[in-house]
Amino acid sequence: MKTFSSAAATWATATIAALTLAACGEAQGERQILRVVSGHVMVPATPDRPAAGYFTVEGGSAPVDLVAVTADLAQRVEMHQTVKEDGMTSMRELRAAPVPVQGKLEFKPGGNHLMIWNINGAAVRAGRLPMVFIFSNNERIVFDLKIKTAEDAAKGGGDAHAGH
């Protein structure tokens, strides 16, 4: 029968303690990683209009900027922000959006959003669009946004912001 040396036993105890502490931190709501947690795309009734994309990113333990979102199954994706000036509402392309440490970045109707042109019909039929979220620290997160159609919006399952 083999026995553990005292060094091996100490290492094993330290490893178990570290894993236990890490699990406790996660249980108390501490997030250490950057992640996309939800989102959807609203496809307009008119196919020649762009779709709008909305999502939420939860920040990790360091500040970072979202610098781009891409989709292989769409012709073009741009980040936009809605701006109100002199009583007029307009859109501007957004070059970067800060993700706060342990906070949330939300792209939502009336605020920051994605404009997505010419989504592949297969993605629309599948009901999801795989997106790649690219951050200033060179991290890339692949996340599928659920596709909602104009019919979904008419039934109360979405918004009518797409295609503006």
Foldseek 3Di string as FASTA:
>chain_A
DDDDDPVVVVVVVVVVVVVVVVVVCVVVPAAADKDWDAKAWEQEPDQQFWIKIKTKIFAHQDKKKFQDKDFPQFPDKFKWFWDADPNDIDIDTDRIGIHDHRGMDIQDPNTIIMTTHRGHPVCVVVQWTWMWTAMPVRDIDTDIHGYDYPVCVVVVNDPNRTRD
